[in-house]
């Protein structure tokens, strides 16, 4: 039972709880019963030695630690509930004195609690939002991508390579007459003009014919990998095949082949509408993200560092699990990204600071606005979860409580409230931004 709970520092409480002799004796007896099977005592069959015999051999406190380990978690939680403590970390500086079968146990510890914060503003937050439109150039580019998907490769054998052709080549690169690692390929498909090779490489393929063997001379860029940066190289080339892309005619038949439109004009109008919708959705998402980030900036208060550390650990674990689901070991991912666990956690902690502030702000808004969640909303959320995870609704209900769903819906409601009450402003002109930075 709770004896006392006193605030000693900002976000820190000193708590004292009492475990009665009856509770402690029961916990000690349970510890004895769970462990006696593994205890051998001369004169008794294994697991049959009475408690008082074991105490005489190992001391009367033999099961005290196990008893405390079993009983303390529930007793601490009960004390938190009684004192109205919202703990954000494990108990620290835990002391037990006294601890006996006659007196029970008195336990004191310190605990870090959720901070009281002030939210300067959550209505009328300003954030930039672009006015969305689709230019003729963007529409033409999208139509061209559609033609690209509908194109086919035609073999060429009566002319040399031209810009835009797809070539099949063997190549091997040499620096100072010595081949270098990664500089060799066979039957490689290279589209001339794609810019996928070193600058100057593709242009030197133009004009050559099938069966030719020739050299390509290039200089690696300064920002290339250190062993090759700025060095001159010679590539030995053998040209096997030349193909060109045949694009579908841009007409009504092309629109009909896509299966959604009857005319080219309808295709262009529909494509423009889709592009605009994508832009609007992207702008809305960015606006929402920016508003919520600014909400975090409006949080004032002394937030315990342990909250940031806990959230960073969670972020790392969550990211690691998502990477693993894609079949990539987390250590392999870190090595590929050129980082290590400590550096990665430091990056996650930066994100965690904002995450914690956002959570605290949303809790404050939920409290202030008193959002009501209906049974219909809860059922709709269960149905959406079922569709998303392809899992039966009843199984989801068994694993996710109604209270959890309601809390998540309240969080969504708070985000929607902040965003719907935010003020969209036109993005600053780039020159203005540069002037501000210079000042």
Protein backbone atom coordinates (compact mmCIF):
# COMPACT_ATOMS: atom_id res chain seq x y z
CA UNK A 1 0.00 0.00 0.00
CA UNK A 2 1.05 3.59 -0.58
CA UNK A 3 2.59 5.32 2.42
CA UNK A 4 3.65 8.60 0.77
CA UNK A 5 4.38 10.24 -2.55
CA UNK A 6 6.15 13.57 -2.45
CA UNK A 7 7.42 15.77 -5.23
CA UNK A 8 11.14 16.31 -4.66
CA UNK A 9 12.26 17.90 -7.96
CA UNK A 10 10.72 18.96 -11.24
CA UNK A 11 9.13 15.81 -12.70
CA UNK A 12 10.46 13.64 -9.83
CA UNK A 13 8.59 12.03 -6.95
CA UNK A 14 9.86 10.14 -3.92
CA UNK A 15 7.52 7.23 -3.19
CA UNK A 16 7.24 4.96 -0.16
CA UNK A 17 5.16 1.79 -0.16
CA UNK A 18 4.51 -0.80 2.52
CA UNK A 19 4.19 -4.53 1.94
CA UNK A 20 2.42 -6.14 4.87
CA UNK A 21 3.85 -9.19 6.65
CA UNK A 22 0.97 -11.30 5.29
CA UNK A 23 1.68 -10.23 1.71
CA UNK A 24 5.38 -10.81 2.11
CA UNK A 25 4.98 -14.25 3.69
CA UNK A 26 2.68 -15.30 0.85
CA UNK A 27 5.18 -14.06 -1.76
CA UNK A 28 8.06 -15.89 -0.01
CA UNK A 29 6.03 -19.11 0.10
CA UNK A 30 5.24 -18.82 -3.64
CA UNK A 31 8.93 -18.29 -4.39
CA UNK A 32 9.74 -21.42 -2.34
CA UNK A 33 7.10 -23.51 -4.11
CA UNK A 34 8.30 -22.41 -7.56
CA UNK A 35 11.96 -23.21 -6.82
CA UNK A 36 11.98 -26.20 -4.47
CA UNK A 37 12.03 -28.71 -7.35
CA UNK A 38 15.53 -27.55 -8.24
CA UNK A 39 16.89 -27.56 -4.66
CA UNK A 40 18.77 -30.61 -3.37
CA UNK A 41 19.07 -31.09 0.39
CA UNK A 42 20.84 -34.11 1.95
CA UNK A 43 18.33 -36.51 3.53
CA UNK A 44 15.44 -35.40 1.32
CA UNK A 45 14.36 -36.34 -2.14
CA UNK A 46 15.04 -33.52 -4.61
CA UNK A 47 12.25 -30.95 -4.37
CA UNK A 48 10.85 -32.35 -1.11
CA UNK A 49 12.85 -30.37 1.46
CA UNK A 50 10.57 -28.29 3.77
CA UNK A 51 10.93 -24.50 3.80
CA UNK A 52 12.36 -24.36 7.34
CA UNK A 53 15.10 -26.86 6.42
CA UNK A 54 16.13 -24.82 3.39
CA UNK A 55 16.20 -21.68 5.55
CA UNK A 56 18.42 -23.41 8.11
CA UNK A 57 20.91 -24.21 5.34
CA UNK A 58 20.80 -21.03 3.26
CA UNK A 59 19.55 -18.43 5.71
CA UNK A 60 16.07 -17.16 6.50
CA UNK A 61 16.28 -14.54 3.72
CA UNK A 62 16.89 -17.16 1.02
CA UNK A 63 13.69 -16.34 -0.93
CA UNK A 64 13.34 -12.66 0.01
CA UNK A 65 14.76 -11.26 -3.25
CA UNK A 66 12.60 -13.51 -5.44
CA UNK A 67 9.56 -12.63 -3.34
CA UNK A 68 10.19 -8.92 -3.80
CA UNK A 69 10.76 -9.34 -7.55
CA UNK A 70 7.39 -11.04 -7.86
CA UNK A 71 5.36 -8.67 -5.73
CA UNK A 72 6.89 -5.24 -6.35
CA UNK A 73 5.73 -4.55 -9.96
CA UNK A 74 2.05 -4.86 -9.06
CA UNK A 75 2.49 -2.98 -5.77
CA UNK A 76 4.34 -0.13 -7.50
CA UNK A 77 1.63 0.13 -10.17
CA UNK A 78 -1.03 0.20 -7.46
CA UNK A 79 0.86 2.97 -5.65
CA UNK A 80 1.06 4.98 -8.88
CA UNK A 81 -2.68 4.65 -9.38
CA UNK A 82 -3.39 5.68 -5.79
CA UNK A 83 -1.07 8.70 -5.94
CA UNK A 84 -2.09 9.74 -9.47
CA UNK A 85 1.46 9.30 -10.71
CA UNK A 86 2.07 8.96 -14.46
CA UNK A 87 5.53 7.40 -14.54
CA UNK A 88 7.69 7.75 -17.67
CA UNK A 89 10.67 5.70 -16.49
CA UNK A 90 11.58 2.77 -14.26
CA UNK A 91 11.91 3.38 -10.48
CA UNK A 92 15.37 4.54 -9.41
CA UNK A 93 17.34 4.48 -6.14
CA UNK A 94 15.17 1.64 -4.85
CA UNK A 95 15.75 0.78 -1.17
CA UNK A 96 14.14 -1.90 1.00
CA UNK A 97 14.26 -1.33 4.75
CA UNK A 98 13.11 -3.11 6.80
CA UNK A 99 12.48 -6.47 5.13
CA UNK A 100 11.43 -9.39 7.32
CA UNK A 101 8.69 -11.96 7.74
CA UNK A 102 7.59 -10.22 10.93
CA UNK A 103 7.50 -6.65 9.61
CA UNK A 104 6.98 -7.15 5.90
CA UNK A 105 8.87 -4.68 3.71
CA UNK A 106 9.08 -0.94 3.31
CA UNK A 107 10.24 0.17 -0.12
CA UNK A 108 11.30 3.67 -1.13
CA UNK A 109 12.28 4.85 -4.61
CA UNK A 110 12.35 7.84 -6.92
CA UNK A 111 10.36 8.00 -10.12
CA UNK A 112 10.29 10.38 -13.09
CA UNK A 113 6.79 11.53 -14.04
CA UNK A 114 5.21 12.96 -17.15
CA UNK A 115 5.81 16.72 -17.22
CA UNK A 116 3.28 19.49 -17.01
CA UNK A 117 3.64 21.45 -20.23
CA UNK A 118 2.23 24.69 -21.58
CA UNK A 119 1.02 24.82 -25.16
CA UNK A 120 1.46 28.37 -26.44
CA UNK A 121 -0.74 27.94 -29.49
CA UNK A 122 -2.58 25.22 -31.33
CA UNK A 123 -5.16 27.25 -33.24
CA UNK A 124 -4.15 29.46 -36.14
CA UNK A 125 -0.68 27.97 -36.66
CA UNK A 126 0.76 29.32 -39.91
CA UNK A 127 2.54 27.11 -42.43
CA UNK A 128 3.40 27.40 -46.09
CA UNK A 129 1.18 25.70 -48.65
CA UNK A 130 1.68 25.74 -52.39
CA UNK A 131 -1.00 26.63 -54.89
CA UNK A 132 -1.07 23.58 -57.13
CA UNK A 133 -1.27 23.61 -60.91
CA UNK A 134 -0.06 21.45 -63.79
CA UNK A 135 2.02 23.01 -66.53
CA UNK A 136 1.95 21.96 -70.19
CA UNK A 137 5.52 20.72 -69.80
CA UNK A 138 4.56 18.47 -66.87
CA UNK A 139 1.59 17.09 -68.78
CA UNK A 140 3.72 16.43 -71.87
CA UNK A 141 6.34 14.66 -69.75
CA UNK A 142 3.69 12.40 -68.17
CA UNK A 143 2.20 11.55 -71.57
CA UNK A 144 5.71 10.74 -72.80
CA UNK A 145 6.20 8.38 -69.83
CA UNK A 146 3.00 6.61 -70.91
CA UNK A 147 4.40 6.29 -74.43
CA UNK A 148 7.64 5.01 -72.92
CA UNK A 149 5.76 2.24 -71.13
CA UNK A 150 4.06 1.34 -74.42
CA UNK A 151 7.22 1.41 -76.51
CA UNK A 152 8.96 -1.62 -78.01
CA UNK A 153 12.55 -2.28 -79.01
CA UNK A 154 13.32 -2.85 -82.69
CA UNK A 155 16.62 -4.45 -83.77
CA UNK A 156 18.83 -2.29 -86.01
CA UNK A 157 21.45 -3.75 -88.36
CA UNK A 158 21.69 -1.23 -91.20
CA UNK A 159 23.12 1.83 -89.48
CA UNK A 160 25.48 2.90 -86.69
CA UNK A 161 24.44 3.92 -83.17
CA UNK A 162 22.40 7.12 -82.84
CA UNK A 163 21.37 9.14 -79.80
CA UNK A 164 18.49 7.44 -77.98
CA UNK A 165 19.36 3.93 -79.16
CA UNK A 166 19.64 0.99 -76.78
CA UNK A 167 22.99 -0.76 -77.23
CA UNK A 168 24.27 -4.11 -75.95
CA UNK A 169 27.99 -3.88 -75.19
CA UNK A 170 30.92 -5.56 -73.48
CA UNK A 171 33.23 -3.15 -71.69
CA UNK A 172 36.33 -3.23 -69.53
CA UNK A 173 37.95 -0.17 -67.99
CA UNK A 174 41.66 0.49 -67.41
CA UNK A 175 43.51 3.19 -65.47
CA UNK A 176 47.21 3.45 -66.39
CA UNK A 177 46.81 0.16 -68.25
CA UNK A 178 45.52 -1.69 -65.18
CA UNK A 179 41.88 -2.94 -64.96
CA UNK A 180 39.98 -1.64 -61.91
CA UNK A 181 37.34 -3.30 -59.76
CA UNK A 182 33.78 -2.86 -61.02
CA UNK A 183 34.94 -1.66 -64.44
CA UNK A 184 33.91 -4.70 -66.44
CA UNK A 185 30.58 -5.81 -67.89
CA UNK A 186 29.27 -8.19 -70.53
CA UNK A 187 26.16 -7.93 -72.71
CA UNK A 188 25.26 -4.72 -70.87
CA UNK A 189 22.18 -2.78 -72.00
CA UNK A 190 23.05 0.91 -72.29
CA UNK A 191 20.62 3.56 -73.49
CA UNK A 192 22.54 6.31 -75.26
CA UNK A 193 21.69 9.68 -73.76
CA UNK A 194 20.47 8.22 -70.44
CA UNK A 195 23.39 9.70 -68.51
CA UNK A 196 23.82 6.47 -66.57
CA UNK A 197 27.54 6.17 -67.34
CA UNK A 198 30.48 8.50 -66.73
CA UNK A 199 30.11 11.86 -68.55
CA UNK A 200 31.45 11.56 -72.12
CA UNK A 201 31.14 7.77 -72.26
CA UNK A 202 27.80 7.38 -74.04
CA UNK A 203 28.52 10.04 -76.66
CA UNK A 204 31.56 8.06 -77.85
CA UNK A 205 29.38 5.02 -78.63
CA UNK A 206 27.47 7.05 -81.24
CA UNK A 207 28.56 6.35 -84.81
CA UNK A 208 29.85 2.82 -84.22
CA UNK A 209 28.32 -0.27 -85.83
CA UNK A 210 27.55 -3.82 -84.70
CA UNK A 211 30.67 -5.96 -84.30
CA UNK A 212 33.06 -3.04 -83.87
CA UNK A 213 35.66 -3.02 -81.10
CA UNK A 214 36.93 0.40 -80.03
CA UNK A 215 38.17 2.51 -77.13
CA UNK A 216 36.29 5.11 -75.10
CA UNK A 217 38.41 7.67 -73.25
CA UNK A 218 36.94 9.40 -70.19
CA UNK A 219 37.95 11.23 -67.03
CA UNK A 220 36.25 10.28 -63.78
CA UNK A 221 34.50 13.17 -62.00
CA UNK A 222 36.11 14.80 -58.97
CA UNK A 223 33.30 13.60 -56.71
CA UNK A 224 33.64 9.94 -57.80
CA UNK A 225 34.89 7.32 -55.35
CA UNK A 226 38.30 8.25 -53.99
CA UNK A 227 40.34 5.55 -55.80
CA UNK A 228 39.14 6.74 -59.23
CA UNK A 229 38.24 10.41 -58.75
CA UNK A 230 39.67 12.73 -61.45
CA UNK A 231 41.61 9.88 -63.09
CA UNK A 232 41.72 9.23 -66.83
CA UNK A 233 40.46 5.85 -67.99
CA UNK A 234 40.24 3.84 -71.19
CA UNK A 235 37.32 1.50 -71.76
CA UNK A 236 37.64 -1.34 -74.28
CA UNK A 237 34.26 -1.70 -75.98
CA UNK A 238 32.69 -4.37 -78.14
CA UNK A 239 29.31 -3.49 -79.68
CA UNK A 240 26.95 -6.49 -80.00
CA UNK A 241 23.50 -5.07 -80.73
CA UNK A 242 21.71 -1.84 -81.60
CA UNK A 243 18.02 -1.32 -80.92
CA UNK A 244 15.75 1.70 -81.14
CA UNK A 245 12.55 2.41 -79.29
CA UNK A 246 9.41 2.55 -81.35
CA UNK A 247 6.83 4.68 -79.61
CA UNK A 248 3.06 4.42 -80.16
CA UNK A 249 1.53 7.25 -82.17
CA UNK A 250 0.04 9.98 -80.03
CA UNK A 251 -3.56 9.68 -81.25
CA UNK A 252 -7.01 8.47 -80.23
CA UNK A 253 -5.98 4.83 -80.68
CA UNK A 254 -3.22 5.34 -78.14
CA UNK A 255 -5.78 6.70 -75.65
CA UNK A 256 -8.12 3.74 -76.30
CA UNK A 257 -5.29 1.22 -75.81
CA UNK A 258 -4.82 2.52 -72.27
CA UNK A 259 -8.36 1.32 -71.56
CA UNK A 260 -9.78 4.40 -69.85
CA UNK A 261 -10.31 7.01 -72.56
CA UNK A 262 -11.81 7.23 -76.05
CA UNK A 263 -9.87 10.20 -77.38
CA UNK A 264 -6.46 11.79 -76.98
CA UNK A 265 -8.05 14.95 -75.59
CA UNK A 266 -9.86 12.93 -72.94
CA UNK A 267 -6.56 11.23 -72.05
CA UNK A 268 -4.81 14.58 -71.65
CA UNK A 269 -7.65 16.03 -69.58
CA UNK A 270 -7.81 12.96 -67.33
CA UNK A 271 -4.04 12.81 -66.94
CA UNK A 272 -3.91 16.49 -66.04
CA UNK A 273 -6.58 15.92 -63.40
CA UNK A 274 -4.63 12.98 -61.94
CA UNK A 275 -1.41 14.99 -61.84
CA UNK A 276 -3.18 17.84 -60.11
CA UNK A 277 -4.68 15.47 -57.54
CA UNK A 278 -1.24 14.04 -56.79
CA UNK A 279 0.19 17.52 -56.32
CA UNK A 280 -2.70 18.59 -54.08
CA UNK A 281 -2.35 15.46 -51.94
CA UNK A 282 1.40 15.97 -51.62
CA UNK A 283 0.91 19.64 -50.72
CA UNK A 284 -1.70 18.71 -48.12
CA UNK A 285 0.57 16.11 -46.55
CA UNK A 286 3.47 18.55 -46.38
CA UNK A 287 1.22 21.25 -44.94
CA UNK A 288 -0.02 18.85 -42.25
CA UNK A 289 3.55 17.74 -41.43
CA UNK A 290 4.74 21.34 -41.19
CA UNK A 291 1.81 22.35 -38.99
CA UNK A 292 2.40 19.48 -36.58
CA UNK A 293 6.13 20.25 -36.46
CA UNK A 294 5.29 23.85 -35.57
CA UNK A 295 2.90 22.53 -32.92
CA UNK A 296 5.89 20.81 -31.30
CA UNK A 297 7.75 24.13 -31.28
CA UNK A 298 4.91 25.63 -29.21
CA UNK A 299 5.44 23.19 -26.34
CA UNK A 300 7.00 24.78 -23.24
CA UNK A 301 8.09 22.89 -20.15
CA UNK A 302 10.91 20.83 -18.65
CA UNK A 303 10.65 17.47 -20.37
CA UNK A 304 12.64 14.60 -18.80
CA UNK A 305 15.52 13.42 -20.95
CA UNK A 306 14.49 9.81 -20.34
CA UNK A 307 11.35 10.40 -22.44
CA UNK A 308 13.49 11.32 -25.43
CA UNK A 309 15.78 8.32 -24.85
CA UNK A 310 12.85 5.91 -24.56
CA UNK A 311 11.27 7.25 -27.73
CA UNK A 312 14.61 7.05 -29.58
CA UNK A 313 14.96 3.39 -28.53
CA UNK A 314 11.43 2.73 -29.77
CA UNK A 315 12.13 4.48 -33.08
CA UNK A 316 15.29 2.43 -33.62
CA UNK A 317 13.50 -0.83 -32.81
CA UNK A 318 10.54 0.04 -35.03
CA UNK A 319 12.82 0.96 -37.94
CA UNK A 320 14.89 -2.19 -37.43
CA UNK A 321 11.74 -4.35 -37.54
CA UNK A 322 10.53 -2.69 -40.74
CA UNK A 323 13.91 -3.23 -42.40
CA UNK A 324 13.92 -6.87 -41.26
CA UNK A 325 10.46 -7.39 -42.77
CA UNK A 326 12.03 -6.53 -46.12
CA UNK A 327 14.59 -9.30 -45.60
CA UNK A 328 17.50 -6.98 -44.79
CA UNK A 329 19.45 -7.51 -41.53
CA UNK A 330 19.60 -4.22 -39.63
CA UNK A 331 23.40 -4.39 -39.35
CA UNK A 332 23.63 -4.83 -43.12
CA UNK A 333 21.43 -1.77 -43.65
CA UNK A 334 23.59 0.33 -41.33
CA UNK A 335 26.77 -0.78 -43.10
CA UNK A 336 25.23 0.05 -46.47
CA UNK A 337 24.31 3.52 -45.20
CA UNK A 338 27.82 4.01 -43.83
CA UNK A 339 26.75 4.41 -40.22
CA UNK A 340 26.79 2.46 -36.93
CA UNK A 341 24.20 1.74 -34.20
CA UNK A 342 25.28 4.65 -31.97
CA UNK A 343 25.25 7.20 -34.80
CA UNK A 344 21.90 5.90 -36.04
CA UNK A 345 20.39 6.15 -32.57
CA UNK A 346 21.68 9.72 -32.31
CA UNK A 347 19.80 10.52 -35.53
CA UNK A 348 16.67 8.85 -34.17
CA UNK A 349 16.94 10.85 -30.95
CA UNK A 350 16.71 14.11 -32.90
CA UNK A 351 13.42 12.85 -34.32
CA UNK A 352 12.39 11.56 -30.88
CA UNK A 353 12.56 15.05 -29.34
CA UNK A 354 9.94 16.28 -31.80
CA UNK A 355 7.86 13.09 -31.45
CA UNK A 356 7.64 13.43 -27.65
CA UNK A 357 6.67 17.10 -27.85
CA UNK A 358 3.99 16.31 -30.43
CA UNK A 359 2.57 13.56 -28.19
CA UNK A 360 2.45 15.90 -25.19
CA UNK A 361 0.83 18.65 -27.25
CA UNK A 362 -1.84 16.32 -28.64
CA UNK A 363 -2.63 15.05 -25.13
CA UNK A 364 -3.12 18.66 -24.03
CA UNK A 365 -5.43 19.35 -26.98
CA UNK A 366 -7.47 16.20 -26.35
CA UNK A 367 -7.93 17.30 -22.76
CA UNK A 368 -8.88 20.86 -23.75
CA UNK A 369 -11.25 19.99 -26.62
CA UNK A 370 -12.81 16.90 -25.01
CA UNK A 371 -13.32 14.95 -28.24
CA UNK A 372 -16.17 12.43 -28.12
CA UNK A 373 -15.65 9.13 -29.92
CA UNK A 374 -18.77 7.21 -30.93
CA UNK A 375 -19.26 3.46 -31.11
CA UNK A 376 -19.76 3.85 -34.87
CA UNK A 377 -16.31 5.45 -35.20
CA UNK A 378 -14.74 2.62 -33.20
CA UNK A 379 -16.38 -0.03 -35.40
CA UNK A 380 -15.30 1.83 -38.54
CA UNK A 381 -11.72 1.92 -37.25
CA UNK A 382 -11.78 -1.83 -36.56
CA UNK A 383 -13.08 -2.41 -40.10
CA UNK A 384 -10.33 -0.24 -41.58
CA UNK A 385 -7.68 -2.12 -39.56
CA UNK A 386 -9.13 -5.39 -40.80
CA UNK A 387 -8.87 -4.22 -44.40
CA UNK A 388 -5.36 -2.83 -43.96
CA UNK A 389 -3.87 -5.89 -42.27
CA UNK A 390 -6.11 -8.47 -43.98
CA UNK A 391 -7.14 -9.87 -40.62
CA UNK A 392 -10.57 -10.82 -39.27
CA UNK A 393 -12.28 -8.07 -37.30
CA UNK A 394 -12.95 -10.33 -34.31
CA UNK A 395 -9.27 -11.26 -34.07
CA UNK A 396 -8.30 -7.59 -34.16
CA UNK A 397 -10.83 -6.83 -31.43
CA UNK A 398 -9.31 -9.59 -29.32
CA UNK A 399 -5.83 -8.07 -29.60
CA UNK A 400 -6.63 -4.33 -29.67
CA UNK A 401 -8.86 -3.00 -26.92
CA UNK A 402 -11.68 -0.51 -27.44
CA UNK A 403 -9.88 1.96 -25.15
CA UNK A 404 -6.75 1.76 -27.34
CA UNK A 405 -8.80 2.41 -30.47
CA UNK A 406 -10.55 5.36 -28.83
CA UNK A 407 -7.24 6.89 -27.78
CA UNK A 408 -5.91 6.59 -31.32
CA UNK A 409 -9.09 8.14 -32.73
CA UNK A 410 -8.80 11.01 -30.27
CA UNK A 411 -5.22 11.55 -31.40
CA UNK A 412 -6.36 11.65 -35.04
CA UNK A 413 -9.14 14.05 -34.09
CA UNK A 414 -6.62 16.34 -32.38
CA UNK A 415 -4.36 16.34 -35.45
CA UNK A 416 -7.33 17.07 -37.72
CA UNK A 417 -8.40 19.88 -35.38
CA UNK A 418 -4.98 21.53 -35.41
CA UNK A 419 -4.62 21.22 -39.19
CA UNK A 420 -8.17 22.41 -39.96
CA UNK A 421 -7.60 25.46 -37.73
CA UNK A 422 -4.19 26.22 -39.23
CA UNK A 423 -3.57 29.09 -41.64
CA UNK A 424 -2.05 28.35 -45.03
CA UNK A 425 0.31 31.04 -46.33
CA UNK A 426 1.97 31.34 -49.72
CA UNK A 427 5.54 30.04 -49.85
CA UNK A 428 8.19 32.73 -49.57
CA UNK A 429 9.97 33.54 -52.80
CA UNK A 430 13.39 31.89 -52.93
CA UNK A 431 15.18 35.23 -53.14
CA UNK A 432 13.39 36.40 -49.99
CA UNK A 433 14.49 33.25 -48.15
CA UNK A 434 18.09 33.77 -49.22
CA UNK A 435 17.98 37.38 -48.01
CA UNK A 436 16.58 36.28 -44.65
CA UNK A 437 19.36 33.70 -44.27
CA UNK A 438 21.98 36.29 -45.21
CA UNK A 439 20.64 38.66 -42.53
